[in-house]
């Protein structure tokens, strides 16, 4: 299984994570060494079975760019139960990196459970 991250816009292309993100990752003991932003490419549709959007704008971009039939395009919040938000809020604008981390963490746990069940993984 391979997991990667990319953006649909080039605003911070080639940059390391935001200082607010680094602070949260440090608190969680998660390394960001060598991380730098990259842009979505056509090859991503061939390399990955799932493309996961953080918000509706990213989802719409992915749907409009889909170059591979069979690539599942989903929103991460689809995998978070009992939550009112439809989108992961961008902490660059909200300043709440903790909330964003919690929602992404919950979404990733839900996505992992979904993948384990769907693909009969242990």
Protein backbone atom coordinates (compact mmCIF):
# COMPACT_ATOMS: atom_id res chain seq x y z
CA UNK A 1 0.00 0.00 0.00
CA UNK A 2 1.31 3.43 -0.91
CA UNK A 3 0.07 6.72 0.52
CA UNK A 4 1.02 10.20 -0.65
CA UNK A 5 -0.20 13.76 -0.36
CA UNK A 6 -0.47 16.55 -2.90
CA UNK A 7 -2.31 19.75 -3.59
CA UNK A 8 -4.58 20.97 -6.34
CA UNK A 9 -3.07 24.47 -6.31
CA UNK A 10 0.52 25.64 -6.52
CA UNK A 11 0.42 28.33 -3.81
CA UNK A 12 3.02 26.62 -1.61
CA UNK A 13 4.66 24.35 -4.16
CA UNK A 14 7.94 22.89 -2.92
CA UNK A 15 7.54 24.26 0.61
CA UNK A 16 7.76 22.28 3.83
CA UNK A 17 4.72 22.11 6.13
CA UNK A 18 3.38 25.28 7.74
CA UNK A 19 4.87 26.04 11.21
CA UNK A 20 1.44 25.39 12.79
CA UNK A 21 1.36 21.95 11.17
CA UNK A 22 4.92 21.24 12.30
CA UNK A 23 3.97 22.10 15.87
CA UNK A 24 1.05 19.63 15.85
CA UNK A 25 3.17 16.92 14.20
CA UNK A 26 5.94 17.45 16.76
CA UNK A 27 3.36 17.07 19.57
CA UNK A 28 2.18 13.81 18.00
CA UNK A 29 5.69 12.48 17.35
CA UNK A 30 5.11 12.44 13.59
CA UNK A 31 8.11 13.16 11.37
CA UNK A 32 7.87 15.63 8.51
CA UNK A 33 11.51 15.32 7.46
CA UNK A 34 11.81 15.68 3.72
CA UNK A 35 8.15 16.66 3.27
CA UNK A 36 7.45 19.31 0.70
CA UNK A 37 4.30 20.18 -1.13
CA UNK A 38 3.74 18.89 -4.62
CA UNK A 39 1.03 19.34 -7.21
CA UNK A 40 -1.47 16.70 -8.33
CA UNK A 41 -0.35 15.07 -11.58
CA UNK A 42 -2.12 12.98 -14.21
CA UNK A 43 0.04 10.05 -13.07
CA UNK A 44 -1.61 10.16 -9.64
CA UNK A 45 -4.79 8.85 -11.28
CA UNK A 46 -2.83 5.85 -12.56
CA UNK A 47 -0.75 5.24 -9.46
CA UNK A 48 -3.45 5.38 -6.79
CA UNK A 49 -6.77 3.56 -6.39
CA UNK A 50 -8.19 6.28 -4.14
CA UNK A 51 -7.82 10.04 -4.26
CA UNK A 52 -9.05 11.65 -1.05
CA UNK A 53 -10.14 15.30 -1.01
CA UNK A 54 -10.11 17.52 2.06
CA UNK A 55 -12.93 19.78 0.88
CA UNK A 56 -15.56 20.25 -1.81
CA UNK A 57 -13.32 22.49 -3.93
CA UNK A 58 -10.58 19.83 -4.03
CA UNK A 59 -13.20 17.15 -4.71
CA UNK A 60 -14.57 19.11 -7.67
CA UNK A 61 -11.05 19.58 -9.03
CA UNK A 62 -10.35 15.85 -8.75
CA UNK A 63 -13.64 14.93 -10.42
CA UNK A 64 -12.90 17.37 -13.23
CA UNK A 65 -9.37 16.01 -13.67
CA UNK A 66 -10.13 12.30 -13.50
CA UNK A 67 -7.93 10.65 -16.09
CA UNK A 68 -8.44 7.04 -15.02
CA UNK A 69 -11.64 5.12 -14.93
CA UNK A 70 -11.89 3.21 -11.68
CA UNK A 71 -10.01 5.66 -9.48
CA UNK A 72 -12.22 6.30 -6.46
CA UNK A 73 -12.52 9.97 -5.56
CA UNK A 74 -13.88 10.57 -2.08
CA UNK A 75 -13.96 13.26 0.60
CA UNK A 76 -12.17 12.43 3.84
CA UNK A 77 -15.12 13.65 5.89
CA UNK A 78 -17.23 10.81 4.42
CA UNK A 79 -15.34 8.57 6.85
CA UNK A 80 -15.95 10.63 9.99
CA UNK A 81 -19.03 9.70 11.99
CA UNK A 82 -21.18 12.07 14.04
CA UNK A 83 -19.72 15.29 12.69
CA UNK A 84 -21.47 18.29 11.21
CA UNK A 85 -18.64 19.52 8.96
CA UNK A 86 -18.58 18.49 5.32
CA UNK A 87 -15.06 19.75 4.74
CA UNK A 88 -11.74 19.73 6.54
CA UNK A 89 -11.22 23.41 7.40
CA UNK A 90 -8.00 24.92 6.08
CA UNK A 91 -5.95 25.90 9.15
CA UNK A 92 -4.04 28.42 7.05
CA UNK A 93 -7.23 30.49 7.23
CA UNK A 94 -8.80 29.33 10.51
CA UNK A 95 -5.60 29.20 12.55
CA UNK A 96 -6.95 26.08 14.31
CA UNK A 97 -4.37 23.43 13.44
CA UNK A 98 -5.58 21.25 16.32
CA UNK A 99 -9.11 20.96 14.95
CA UNK A 100 -7.78 20.20 11.49
CA UNK A 101 -5.47 17.52 12.88
CA UNK A 102 -8.31 15.90 14.86
CA UNK A 103 -10.63 15.78 11.84
CA UNK A 104 -7.90 14.41 9.57
CA UNK A 105 -6.94 11.83 12.17
CA UNK A 106 -10.58 10.74 12.60
CA UNK A 107 -11.02 10.65 8.83
CA UNK A 108 -7.88 8.57 8.31
CA UNK A 109 -8.96 6.07 10.96
CA UNK A 110 -12.38 5.81 9.31
CA UNK A 111 -10.86 5.48 5.86
CA UNK A 112 -8.51 2.76 7.08
CA UNK A 113 -11.44 0.83 8.58
CA UNK A 114 -13.35 1.19 5.30
CA UNK A 115 -10.38 -0.08 3.27
CA UNK A 116 -9.83 -3.01 5.63
CA UNK A 117 -13.46 -4.06 5.29
CA UNK A 118 -13.79 -3.43 1.55
CA UNK A 119 -10.56 -5.16 0.61
CA UNK A 120 -10.60 -7.84 3.34
CA UNK A 121 -7.37 -6.64 4.90
CA UNK A 122 -6.20 -7.63 8.36
